[in-house]
């Protein structure tokens, strides 16, 4: 038989360590007393009896589960037969490929993938520290239930495969039918295309030589006009391009002249400032005869300054004249550009209306020959109508096929979804890649029951400790708490436990004090309890 551990601790690398059974006893006792993972700010008063929940007894009970090997799979079966997993079995599908519900079974499957995820924590052993509830189902009944689960699972897979194959076949038939329709569509277009082309040739043949000649001359004349307008427009556009280049050149020259004028004016300002400074120096020196030579130098500098100012003013005046001339040249060029662009706009407008004028003249010429072709056109319309009717019938047929396939596909896919959901539920109870020593083994899940506050209480496994903290986000073993409580609290089981177990499996009995002490030592080693809990446990189990 296999036994599942009750308590676990988290290692530094994040892995789980299964704690020995005495540690599980102490964890259950702490949980029953309501002090697991609890901390206090003061030690005083917390180990008195009136501060703790009163516990009359704490028994360890094992719930039986069959592990049945069926082929390459292992199926967990509730040894008490109380867990019920509803399985739907379906028959072959009818003429519309609709799977029909045949029968519903309530199989005693238990645990599913939750229990499977903990199976590596189960160990081989014997039950010596608790009471194993006798299984209600016999070995043969467990095997039968497992075979039924596998049988229904295999049948559902077969039906699902047939249904999927049917859908694929239907899709293949649809593609083949649509390909035939496309071939027929192509044939009709080609056949009636030839008829329409022949009729068009006949209609064109009605055009007399004079009609063709008139139409040809009209088209040639308008083509000649188009070429003339186009050539003139291109020539003017080229002229505008050249004029714009000339404008850019003028603007560049004007900018250079403006820059020069600015420099001349700056030179004039600097010269005038220098002249004023020299005049001031001369006035100051005039009063001192001994500095005659200095006066003579200043007068010379003043003359040079005057010449420079006059020269810059002449240059400025000349540049202004050149700038004025360039501005006039620019204005003349701009005016010419505007005139040319106006002419281009007129040519563009003429080009736009030319096709309309051509169409008008052609229409007037052709109206004379409309009556001759009317009969032929009627025949052509009849051919086109016949072709359109044939194509319409094909489109209707195509739409009908697609609609029928869609209805079948939608209904089939919804049925496939039902089967896949049912298979998914069963699959979670059919384990792969699990080794058993025998075809049928028993797995026992540990629980603790206690009586406190005038009420029977169930303590579920597993309890996982990360140091001093109890972790709540681990999955349970997948058993229904209501079912287990019903078993342990029933009038048939509890009296038997109390009678047969007596003080042997009661954790609170003095006979089991050594187990409690051993459990305390283990939990202290992994840091799951503190001094406060240890003191309370020692006082309670004294």
Protein backbone atom coordinates (compact mmCIF):
# COMPACT_ATOMS: atom_id res chain seq x y z
CA UNK A 1 0.00 0.00 0.00
CA UNK A 2 0.99 3.63 -0.40
CA UNK A 3 0.66 6.34 2.22
CA UNK A 4 0.41 10.06 1.50
CA UNK A 5 2.24 12.45 3.82
CA UNK A 6 0.28 15.02 5.80
CA UNK A 7 2.87 17.76 6.38
CA UNK A 8 5.43 19.37 4.07
CA UNK A 9 8.02 22.13 4.32
CA UNK A 10 9.50 24.35 1.61
CA UNK A 11 13.26 23.99 1.14
CA UNK A 12 15.62 26.86 0.29
CA UNK A 13 15.60 25.86 -3.41
CA UNK A 14 11.78 26.01 -3.45
CA UNK A 15 11.25 22.24 -3.49
CA UNK A 16 8.90 20.46 -1.07
CA UNK A 17 10.14 18.21 1.68
CA UNK A 18 7.77 15.58 3.06
CA UNK A 19 7.86 15.75 6.85
CA UNK A 20 7.79 12.56 8.97
CA UNK A 21 4.46 11.51 10.47
CA UNK A 22 5.17 12.86 14.01
CA UNK A 23 5.67 16.32 12.47
CA UNK A 24 2.31 15.94 10.73
CA UNK A 25 0.70 15.04 14.08
CA UNK A 26 2.02 18.24 15.67
CA UNK A 27 0.96 20.38 12.68
CA UNK A 28 -2.57 18.97 12.93
CA UNK A 29 -2.58 19.60 16.71
CA UNK A 30 -1.47 23.22 16.23
CA UNK A 31 -4.12 23.67 13.53
CA UNK A 32 -6.80 22.21 15.82
CA UNK A 33 -5.75 24.54 18.64
CA UNK A 34 -5.83 27.51 16.24
CA UNK A 35 -2.22 28.56 16.87
CA UNK A 36 -0.45 27.25 13.74
CA UNK A 37 1.76 30.04 12.42
CA UNK A 38 0.52 32.43 15.12
CA UNK A 39 2.81 34.94 16.84
CA UNK A 40 2.34 36.85 20.11
CA UNK A 41 3.91 39.98 21.45
CA UNK A 42 3.93 38.65 25.02
CA UNK A 43 4.37 35.20 26.50
CA UNK A 44 2.29 35.91 29.60
CA UNK A 45 -1.07 34.23 29.85
CA UNK A 46 -1.08 32.40 26.53
CA UNK A 47 -0.45 28.96 27.89
CA UNK A 48 -3.38 29.00 30.31
CA UNK A 49 -6.19 26.59 29.52
CA UNK A 50 -8.88 29.24 29.28
CA UNK A 51 -6.98 31.01 26.53
CA UNK A 52 -6.87 27.99 24.18
CA UNK A 53 -9.60 26.07 22.34
CA UNK A 54 -10.51 22.94 24.26
CA UNK A 55 -9.81 19.73 22.33
CA UNK A 56 -11.25 16.44 23.58
CA UNK A 57 -9.34 14.20 21.19
CA UNK A 58 -7.32 14.25 17.94
CA UNK A 59 -7.38 11.09 15.82
CA UNK A 60 -5.47 10.38 12.62
CA UNK A 61 -7.67 8.69 10.03
CA UNK A 62 -6.74 7.31 6.62
CA UNK A 63 -9.13 7.48 3.64
CA UNK A 64 -8.76 4.56 1.17
CA UNK A 65 -8.25 5.02 -2.59
CA UNK A 66 -7.71 2.26 -5.14
CA UNK A 67 -5.05 2.77 -7.83
CA UNK A 68 -6.04 0.45 -10.68
CA UNK A 69 -3.77 -0.25 -13.63
CA UNK A 70 -5.68 -0.65 -16.88
CA UNK A 71 -3.36 -1.08 -19.85
CA UNK A 72 -0.95 1.88 -19.93
CA UNK A 73 -3.10 3.96 -17.61
CA UNK A 74 -3.76 4.20 -13.88
CA UNK A 75 -7.23 5.18 -12.62
CA UNK A 76 -7.87 6.39 -9.03
CA UNK A 77 -11.04 4.85 -7.54
CA UNK A 78 -12.74 5.97 -4.31
CA UNK A 79 -12.45 3.00 -1.95
CA UNK A 80 -15.58 4.17 -0.13
CA UNK A 81 -17.53 4.55 -3.37
CA UNK A 82 -18.88 7.95 -2.25
CA UNK A 83 -17.18 10.28 -4.74
CA UNK A 84 -19.23 10.24 -7.92
CA UNK A 85 -17.95 11.41 -11.28
CA UNK A 86 -20.72 11.66 -13.86
CA UNK A 87 -19.70 10.28 -17.25
CA UNK A 88 -21.77 10.49 -20.41
CA UNK A 89 -21.61 7.69 -22.94
CA UNK A 90 -22.64 8.34 -26.53
CA UNK A 91 -23.78 5.99 -29.29
CA UNK A 92 -22.91 6.08 -32.98
CA UNK A 93 -24.23 9.15 -34.78
CA UNK A 94 -27.39 9.07 -36.91
CA UNK A 95 -27.87 9.98 -40.61
CA UNK A 96 -27.17 13.63 -39.80
CA UNK A 97 -23.94 12.67 -38.00
CA UNK A 98 -25.35 13.80 -34.66
CA UNK A 99 -23.98 11.98 -31.62
CA UNK A 100 -26.80 10.67 -29.47
CA UNK A 101 -26.58 10.43 -25.67
CA UNK A 102 -26.96 6.79 -24.68
CA UNK A 103 -26.42 6.55 -20.95
CA UNK A 104 -25.06 8.41 -17.95
CA UNK A 105 -22.81 6.69 -15.40
CA UNK A 106 -21.77 7.79 -11.91
CA UNK A 107 -18.32 6.25 -11.51
CA UNK A 108 -16.40 6.38 -8.19
CA UNK A 109 -13.43 8.25 -9.72
CA UNK A 110 -11.52 10.48 -7.32
CA UNK A 111 -8.65 12.91 -7.13
CA UNK A 112 -8.08 13.75 -10.85
CA UNK A 113 -4.96 15.78 -11.73
CA UNK A 114 -4.81 17.35 -8.25
CA UNK A 115 -4.07 14.00 -6.64
CA UNK A 116 -1.71 13.07 -9.49
CA UNK A 117 0.42 16.16 -8.82
CA UNK A 118 1.09 14.86 -5.27
CA UNK A 119 1.72 11.20 -6.14
CA UNK A 120 5.50 11.61 -6.01
CA UNK A 121 5.04 12.33 -2.27
CA UNK A 122 3.35 8.98 -1.60
CA UNK A 123 5.54 6.27 -0.07
CA UNK A 124 5.29 2.53 0.44
CA UNK A 125 4.50 1.58 4.01
CA UNK A 126 2.11 0.31 6.67
CA UNK A 127 -0.37 2.26 8.77
CA UNK A 128 0.78 2.24 12.39
CA UNK A 129 -0.10 5.74 13.55
CA UNK A 130 -3.78 6.00 12.67
CA UNK A 131 -7.02 4.28 11.81
CA UNK A 132 -7.50 3.09 8.21
CA UNK A 133 -11.16 3.20 7.26
CA UNK A 134 -12.13 -0.16 5.72
CA UNK A 135 -12.85 0.28 2.02
CA UNK A 136 -16.43 -0.40 0.97
CA UNK A 137 -15.68 -1.24 -2.66
CA UNK A 138 -14.15 -4.62 -3.31
CA UNK A 139 -11.07 -5.05 -5.47
CA UNK A 140 -13.24 -6.45 -8.28
CA UNK A 141 -15.64 -3.51 -8.09
CA UNK A 142 -12.73 -1.06 -8.33
CA UNK A 143 -11.34 -2.91 -11.36
CA UNK A 144 -14.79 -2.87 -12.99
CA UNK A 145 -15.14 0.88 -12.42
CA UNK A 146 -11.69 1.49 -13.93
CA UNK A 147 -12.50 -0.67 -16.95
CA UNK A 148 -15.78 1.19 -17.43
CA UNK A 149 -13.95 4.54 -17.34
CA UNK A 150 -11.41 3.34 -19.93
CA UNK A 151 -14.13 1.75 -22.09
CA UNK A 152 -16.19 4.94 -22.18
CA UNK A 153 -13.04 7.02 -22.75
CA UNK A 154 -11.95 4.84 -25.70
CA UNK A 155 -15.46 4.84 -27.20
CA UNK A 156 -15.67 8.62 -26.93
CA UNK A 157 -12.30 8.94 -28.68
CA UNK A 158 -13.49 6.62 -31.46
CA UNK A 159 -16.71 8.57 -31.91
CA UNK A 160 -14.79 11.81 -31.89
CA UNK A 161 -12.43 10.44 -34.55
CA UNK A 162 -15.33 9.34 -36.74
CA UNK A 163 -17.02 12.68 -36.37
CA UNK A 164 -13.81 14.56 -37.20
CA UNK A 165 -13.24 12.29 -40.21
CA UNK A 166 -16.81 12.90 -41.34
CA UNK A 167 -16.25 16.65 -41.15
CA UNK A 168 -13.03 16.35 -43.16
CA UNK A 169 -14.78 14.19 -45.79
CA UNK A 170 -17.60 16.68 -46.04
CA UNK A 171 -15.10 19.49 -46.53
CA UNK A 172 -13.36 17.48 -49.27
CA UNK A 173 -16.68 16.87 -51.05
CA UNK A 174 -17.49 20.56 -50.81
CA UNK A 175 -14.14 21.49 -52.38
CA UNK A 176 -14.75 19.02 -55.20
CA UNK A 177 -18.25 20.37 -55.86
CA UNK A 178 -17.01 23.96 -55.78
CA UNK A 179 -14.24 23.03 -58.22
CA UNK A 180 -16.85 21.61 -60.61
CA UNK A 181 -18.87 24.81 -60.29
CA UNK A 182 -15.78 26.90 -61.05
CA UNK A 183 -15.09 24.77 -64.15
CA UNK A 184 -18.70 25.20 -65.28
CA UNK A 185 -18.48 28.92 -64.57
CA UNK A 186 -15.38 29.14 -66.76
CA UNK A 187 -17.01 27.09 -69.55
CA UNK A 188 -20.12 29.30 -69.61
CA UNK A 189 -18.04 32.48 -69.69
CA UNK A 190 -15.92 31.16 -72.56
CA UNK A 191 -18.90 29.86 -74.57
CA UNK A 192 -21.02 32.98 -74.22
CA UNK A 193 -17.93 35.15 -74.57
CA UNK A 194 -17.45 33.71 -78.07
CA UNK A 195 -21.12 34.30 -78.92
CA UNK A 196 -20.96 37.89 -77.67
CA UNK A 197 -17.73 38.54 -79.60
CA UNK A 198 -19.29 37.18 -82.79
CA UNK A 199 -22.38 39.33 -82.33
CA UNK A 200 -20.22 42.40 -81.70
CA UNK A 201 -18.37 41.74 -84.96
CA UNK A 202 -21.71 41.55 -86.74
CA UNK A 203 -22.80 44.83 -85.18
CA UNK A 204 -19.54 46.52 -86.13
CA UNK A 205 -19.96 45.16 -89.65
CA UNK A 206 -23.10 47.24 -90.02
CA UNK A 207 -20.96 50.37 -90.04
CA UNK A 208 -20.75 51.61 -93.59
CA UNK A 209 -17.54 52.90 -95.11
CA UNK A 210 -18.77 56.46 -94.87
CA UNK A 211 -19.55 56.08 -91.17
CA UNK A 212 -16.13 54.66 -90.46
CA UNK A 213 -14.52 57.41 -92.49
CA UNK A 214 -16.43 60.16 -90.72
CA UNK A 215 -15.58 58.75 -87.33
CA UNK A 216 -11.94 58.38 -88.36
CA UNK A 217 -11.70 62.00 -89.53
CA UNK A 218 -13.35 63.31 -86.37
CA UNK A 219 -10.93 61.37 -84.21
CA UNK A 220 -7.93 62.47 -86.30
CA UNK A 221 -8.97 66.12 -86.10
CA UNK A 222 -9.37 66.01 -82.35
CA UNK A 223 -6.12 64.13 -82.03
CA UNK A 224 -4.40 66.90 -84.02
CA UNK A 225 -5.93 69.53 -81.73
CA UNK A 226 -4.78 67.60 -78.69
CA UNK A 227 -1.21 67.48 -80.03
CA UNK A 228 -1.19 71.21 -80.81
CA UNK A 229 -2.49 72.12 -77.37
CA UNK A 230 -0.12 69.70 -75.68
CA UNK A 231 2.93 70.96 -77.60
CA UNK A 232 2.10 74.61 -76.92
CA UNK A 233 1.54 73.86 -73.23
CA UNK A 234 4.86 72.01 -72.94
CA UNK A 235 6.67 74.87 -74.68
CA UNK A 236 5.12 77.43 -72.34
CA UNK A 237 5.87 75.27 -69.30
CA UNK A 238 9.51 75.16 -70.41
CA UNK A 239 9.45 78.95 -70.80
CA UNK A 240 8.02 79.34 -67.29
CA UNK A 241 10.78 77.11 -65.99
CA UNK A 242 13.43 79.28 -67.64
CA UNK A 243 11.79 82.48 -66.39
CA UNK A 244 11.69 81.09 -62.86
CA UNK A 245 15.39 80.32 -63.14
CA UNK A 246 15.99 83.87 -64.30
CA UNK A 247 13.95 85.15 -61.34
CA UNK A 248 16.06 83.14 -58.93
CA UNK A 249 19.21 84.59 -60.52
CA UNK A 250 17.84 88.14 -60.19
CA UNK A 251 16.87 87.53 -56.57
CA UNK A 252 20.36 86.20 -55.86
CA UNK A 253 22.00 89.26 -57.40
CA UNK A 254 19.64 91.56 -55.50
CA UNK A 255 20.58 89.88 -52.24
CA UNK A 256 24.26 90.37 -52.99
CA UNK A 257 23.69 94.07 -53.78
CA UNK A 258 21.65 94.53 -50.60
CA UNK A 259 24.45 92.93 -48.64
CA UNK A 260 26.96 95.31 -50.28
CA UNK A 261 24.78 98.34 -49.53
CA UNK A 262 24.61 97.23 -45.93
CA UNK A 263 28.41 97.02 -45.78
CA UNK A 264 28.83 100.45 -47.41
CA UNK A 265 26.47 101.98 -44.88
CA UNK A 266 28.35 100.39 -42.03
CA UNK A 267 31.63 101.78 -43.44
CA UNK A 268 30.05 105.24 -43.71
CA UNK A 269 28.87 105.09 -40.09
CA UNK A 270 32.33 104.01 -38.92
CA UNK A 271 33.99 106.74 -41.04
CA UNK A 272 31.72 109.46 -39.70
CA UNK A 273 32.37 108.29 -36.14
CA UNK A 274 36.11 108.41 -36.81
CA UNK A 275 35.81 111.87 -38.36
CA UNK A 276 34.01 113.21 -35.32
CA UNK A 277 36.66 111.75 -33.05
CA UNK A 278 39.45 113.37 -35.08
CA UNK A 279 37.68 116.73 -35.04
CA UNK A 280 37.46 116.53 -31.28
CA UNK A 281 41.16 115.74 -30.99
CA UNK A 282 42.04 118.60 -33.32
CA UNK A 283 40.03 121.05 -31.26
CA UNK A 284 41.77 119.92 -28.09
CA UNK A 285 45.23 120.27 -29.69
CA UNK A 286 44.56 123.70 -31.30
CA UNK A 287 45.03 125.28 -27.93
CA UNK A 288 48.56 123.87 -27.60
CA UNK A 289 51.05 125.32 -30.18
CA UNK A 290 53.81 122.90 -29.24
CA UNK A 291 51.78 120.02 -30.66
CA UNK A 292 51.63 121.42 -34.18
CA UNK A 293 52.89 118.20 -35.71
CA UNK A 294 50.02 116.29 -34.14
CA UNK A 295 47.50 118.74 -35.66
CA UNK A 296 49.01 118.22 -39.04
CA UNK A 297 48.63 114.43 -38.70
CA UNK A 298 45.03 114.75 -37.57
CA UNK A 299 44.20 117.02 -40.53
CA UNK A 300 45.72 114.43 -42.84
CA UNK A 301 43.65 111.65 -41.26
CA UNK A 302 40.53 113.82 -41.55
CA UNK A 303 41.12 114.25 -45.28
CA UNK A 304 41.56 110.51 -45.75
CA UNK A 305 38.43 109.84 -43.71
CA UNK A 306 36.40 112.27 -45.84
CA UNK A 307 37.61 110.59 -49.02
CA UNK A 308 36.65 107.16 -47.68
CA UNK A 309 33.17 108.38 -46.64
CA UNK A 310 32.59 109.92 -50.07
CA UNK A 311 33.77 106.78 -51.81
CA UNK A 312 31.39 104.58 -49.78
CA UNK A 313 28.50 106.97 -50.47
CA UNK A 314 29.21 106.81 -54.20
CA UNK A 315 29.33 103.01 -54.01
CA UNK A 316 26.08 102.97 -52.05
CA UNK A 317 24.37 105.22 -54.61
CA UNK A 318 25.58 103.09 -57.49
CA UNK A 319 24.42 99.90 -55.75
CA UNK A 320 20.99 101.45 -55.13
CA UNK A 321 20.73 102.27 -58.84
CA UNK A 322 21.69 98.69 -59.73
CA UNK A 323 19.17 97.34 -57.20
CA UNK A 324 16.41 99.52 -58.66
CA UNK A 325 17.21 98.26 -62.14
CA UNK A 326 17.11 94.63 -60.96
CA UNK A 327 13.77 95.21 -59.22
CA UNK A 328 12.32 96.52 -62.49
CA UNK A 329 13.77 93.53 -64.33
CA UNK A 330 12.27 91.20 -61.70
CA UNK A 331 8.83 92.84 -62.02
CA UNK A 332 8.94 92.50 -65.80
CA UNK A 333 9.88 88.83 -65.49
CA UNK A 334 7.12 88.17 -62.93
CA UNK A 335 4.59 89.81 -65.20
CA UNK A 336 5.77 87.64 -68.08
CA UNK A 337 5.47 84.52 -65.89
CA UNK A 338 1.90 85.46 -64.95
CA UNK A 339 0.99 85.96 -68.61
CA UNK A 340 2.48 82.63 -69.62
CA UNK A 341 0.82 80.77 -66.70
CA UNK A 342 -2.50 82.33 -67.62
CA UNK A 343 -2.07 81.04 -71.16
CA UNK A 344 -1.13 77.58 -69.81
CA UNK A 345 -4.31 77.53 -67.69
CA UNK A 346 -6.36 78.34 -70.78
CA UNK A 347 -4.65 75.52 -72.69
CA UNK A 348 -5.31 73.08 -69.82
CA UNK A 349 -8.99 74.01 -69.80
CA UNK A 350 -9.16 73.52 -73.56
CA UNK A 351 -7.53 70.10 -73.18
CA UNK A 352 -10.10 69.15 -70.53
CA UNK A 353 -13.13 70.03 -72.64
CA UNK A 354 -11.69 68.60 -75.85
CA UNK A 355 -12.72 64.97 -75.08
CA UNK A 356 -16.24 66.14 -74.34
CA UNK A 357 -16.43 67.99 -77.65
CA UNK A 358 -15.04 64.91 -79.40
CA UNK A 359 -17.62 62.67 -77.73
CA UNK A 360 -20.38 65.06 -78.71
CA UNK A 361 -19.38 65.09 -82.37
CA UNK A 362 -18.90 61.32 -82.42
CA UNK A 363 -22.28 60.77 -80.78
CA UNK A 364 -23.96 63.00 -83.32
CA UNK A 365 -22.29 61.05 -86.12
CA UNK A 366 -23.26 57.70 -84.70
CA UNK A 367 -26.87 58.56 -83.99
CA UNK A 368 -27.48 58.26 -87.71
CA UNK A 369 -26.53 54.59 -87.57
CA UNK A 370 -28.24 53.62 -84.28
CA UNK A 371 -31.39 52.37 -85.93
CA UNK A 372 -29.40 50.00 -88.11
CA UNK A 373 -27.82 48.33 -85.12
CA UNK A 374 -30.80 48.26 -82.76
CA UNK A 375 -31.98 44.83 -83.82
CA UNK A 376 -28.50 43.37 -83.45
CA UNK A 377 -28.12 44.94 -80.02
CA UNK A 378 -31.38 43.32 -78.93
CA UNK A 379 -29.99 39.95 -79.94
CA UNK A 380 -26.79 40.71 -78.05
CA UNK A 381 -28.81 41.60 -74.94
CA UNK A 382 -30.64 38.30 -75.19
CA UNK A 383 -27.31 36.42 -75.27
CA UNK A 384 -26.05 38.36 -72.25
CA UNK A 385 -29.30 37.68 -70.36
CA UNK A 386 -29.02 33.97 -71.09
CA UNK A 387 -25.43 33.98 -69.88
CA UNK A 388 -26.32 35.88 -66.71
CA UNK A 389 -29.14 33.44 -65.96
CA UNK A 390 -26.79 30.47 -66.29
CA UNK A 391 -24.20 32.14 -64.04
CA UNK A 392 -26.88 33.06 -61.51
CA UNK A 393 -28.02 29.44 -61.29
CA UNK A 394 -24.41 28.43 -60.62
CA UNK A 395 -24.07 31.04 -57.87
CA UNK A 396 -27.32 29.86 -56.28
CA UNK A 397 -26.07 26.29 -56.37
CA UNK A 398 -22.73 27.35 -54.87
CA UNK A 399 -24.44 29.33 -52.09
CA UNK A 400 -26.73 26.41 -51.29
CA UNK A 401 -23.78 24.01 -51.01
CA UNK A 402 -21.87 26.41 -48.76
CA UNK A 403 -24.92 27.02 -46.58
CA UNK A 404 -25.61 23.30 -46.18
CA UNK A 405 -21.94 22.68 -45.36
CA UNK A 406 -21.90 25.54 -42.84
CA UNK A 407 -24.97 24.17 -41.08
CA UNK A 408 -23.39 20.72 -40.99
CA UNK A 409 -20.00 22.14 -39.92
CA UNK A 410 -21.47 24.30 -37.13
CA UNK A 411 -23.58 21.45 -35.79
CA UNK A 412 -20.73 18.95 -36.06
CA UNK A 413 -18.22 21.27 -34.40
CA UNK A 414 -20.63 21.91 -31.54
CA UNK A 415 -20.98 18.14 -31.11
CA UNK A 416 -17.19 17.72 -31.28
CA UNK A 417 -16.90 20.35 -28.57
CA UNK A 418 -19.30 18.35 -26.36
CA UNK A 419 -17.25 15.19 -26.89
CA UNK A 420 -13.94 16.99 -26.29
CA UNK A 421 -15.26 18.49 -23.06
CA UNK A 422 -16.40 15.07 -21.89
CA UNK A 423 -13.06 13.52 -22.88
CA UNK A 424 -11.21 16.32 -21.10
CA UNK A 425 -13.07 15.63 -17.87
CA UNK A 426 -12.43 11.88 -18.04
CA UNK A 427 -8.79 12.38 -19.13
CA UNK A 428 -7.97 14.14 -15.85
CA UNK A 429 -8.77 10.87 -14.04
CA UNK A 430 -6.79 8.66 -16.42
CA UNK A 431 -3.12 8.95 -15.50
CA UNK A 432 -0.23 8.11 -17.81
CA UNK A 433 3.41 7.26 -17.12
CA UNK A 434 2.80 6.06 -13.55
CA UNK A 435 4.36 2.86 -12.25
CA UNK A 436 2.50 0.45 -9.94
CA UNK A 437 3.99 -2.58 -8.25
CA UNK A 438 0.71 -4.45 -8.71
CA UNK A 439 -2.34 -4.12 -10.93
CA UNK A 440 -4.31 -2.82 -7.98
CA UNK A 441 -2.83 -0.90 -5.06
CA UNK A 442 -4.30 0.98 -2.14
CA UNK A 443 -3.41 4.60 -1.45
CA UNK A 444 -4.36 6.10 1.91
CA UNK A 445 -4.88 9.84 2.40
CA UNK A 446 -4.34 11.10 6.00
CA UNK A 447 -6.88 13.25 7.84
CA UNK A 448 -7.30 14.26 11.45
CA UNK A 449 -10.59 14.55 13.29
CA UNK A 450 -11.02 16.41 16.53
CA UNK A 451 -13.86 17.37 18.80
CA UNK A 452 -13.81 20.95 20.03
CA UNK A 453 -16.42 23.52 20.88
CA UNK A 454 -19.09 20.77 20.91
CA UNK A 455 -18.47 20.07 17.22
CA UNK A 456 -16.61 17.43 15.22
CA UNK A 457 -13.94 19.10 13.06
CA UNK A 458 -12.01 17.69 10.09
CA UNK A 459 -8.42 18.77 9.43
CA UNK A 460 -7.48 18.25 5.78
CA UNK A 461 -4.11 17.51 4.26
CA UNK A 462 -1.72 18.69 3.06
CA UNK A 463 -0.34 21.39 5.35
CA UNK A 464 2.66 23.11 3.75
CA UNK A 465 4.94 25.29 5.87
CA UNK A 466 7.41 27.84 4.57
CA UNK A 467 9.35 28.43 7.74
CA UNK A 468 6.86 29.74 10.30
CA UNK A 469 4.24 30.56 7.66
CA UNK A 470 1.48 28.21 6.52
CA UNK A 471 1.07 28.37 2.73
CA UNK A 472 -2.52 28.46 1.48
CA UNK A 473 -1.97 28.42 -2.30
CA UNK A 474 -1.09 24.72 -2.68
CA UNK A 475 -3.59 22.36 -4.29
CA UNK A 476 -5.32 19.81 -2.11
CA UNK A 477 -5.52 16.13 -2.98
CA UNK A 478 -8.77 16.58 -4.90
CA UNK A 479 -11.07 14.84 -2.41
CA UNK A 480 -14.41 16.37 -1.52
CA UNK A 481 -14.38 17.75 2.03
CA UNK A 482 -18.13 17.22 2.34
CA UNK A 483 -17.82 13.55 1.42
CA UNK A 484 -14.92 12.94 3.79
CA UNK A 485 -16.68 14.74 6.66
CA UNK A 486 -19.77 12.65 5.97
CA UNK A 487 -17.71 9.45 6.24
CA UNK A 488 -15.77 10.40 9.36
CA UNK A 489 -18.73 11.95 11.12
CA UNK A 490 -21.25 9.22 10.35
CA UNK A 491 -22.81 7.13 13.09
CA UNK A 492 -21.16 4.01 11.64
CA UNK A 493 -17.55 5.19 11.51
CA UNK A 494 -16.99 7.47 14.51
CA UNK A 495 -18.12 4.99 17.21
CA UNK A 496 -15.91 2.31 15.62
CA UNK A 497 -12.94 4.69 15.66
CA UNK A 498 -13.52 5.61 19.29
CA UNK A 499 -14.03 1.98 20.28
CA UNK A 500 -11.19 0.39 18.31
CA UNK A 501 -8.67 3.22 18.52
CA UNK A 502 -9.41 4.28 22.07
CA UNK A 503 -6.20 5.94 23.22
CA UNK A 504 -3.91 4.23 20.69
CA UNK A 505 -4.33 6.77 17.90
CA UNK A 506 -5.35 9.78 20.02
CA UNK A 507 -2.50 12.25 19.62
CA UNK A 508 -3.41 13.82 22.98
CA UNK A 509 -2.96 10.59 24.93
CA UNK A 510 0.06 10.21 27.20
CA UNK A 511 1.09 7.13 25.22
CA UNK A 512 1.74 9.33 22.19
CA UNK A 513 3.72 12.01 24.06
CA UNK A 514 6.94 10.73 22.49
CA UNK A 515 5.42 11.24 19.02
CA UNK A 516 4.55 14.82 19.90
CA UNK A 517 8.05 15.48 21.23
CA UNK A 518 9.58 13.99 18.10
CA UNK A 519 7.28 16.12 15.93
CA UNK A 520 8.19 19.26 17.89
CA UNK A 521 11.87 18.54 17.33
CA UNK A 522 11.38 18.12 13.59
CA UNK A 523 9.30 21.29 13.24
CA UNK A 524 11.82 23.29 15.26
CA UNK A 525 14.51 22.08 12.87
CA UNK A 526 12.62 23.47 9.83
CA UNK A 527 11.59 26.64 11.69
CA UNK A 528 7.85 25.88 11.58
CA UNK A 529 7.15 26.52 15.29
CA UNK A 530 8.47 28.89 17.92
CA UNK A 531 9.01 28.76 21.66
CA UNK A 532 5.42 29.83 22.35
CA UNK A 533 3.92 26.93 20.38
CA UNK A 534 6.42 24.50 21.92
CA UNK A 535 5.49 25.60 25.43
CA UNK A 536 1.77 25.28 24.71
CA UNK A 537 2.22 21.80 23.19
CA UNK A 538 4.31 20.56 26.11
CA UNK A 539 1.74 21.87 28.60
CA UNK A 540 -1.18 20.32 26.69
CA UNK A 541 0.46 16.92 26.30
CA UNK A 542 1.91 16.80 29.80
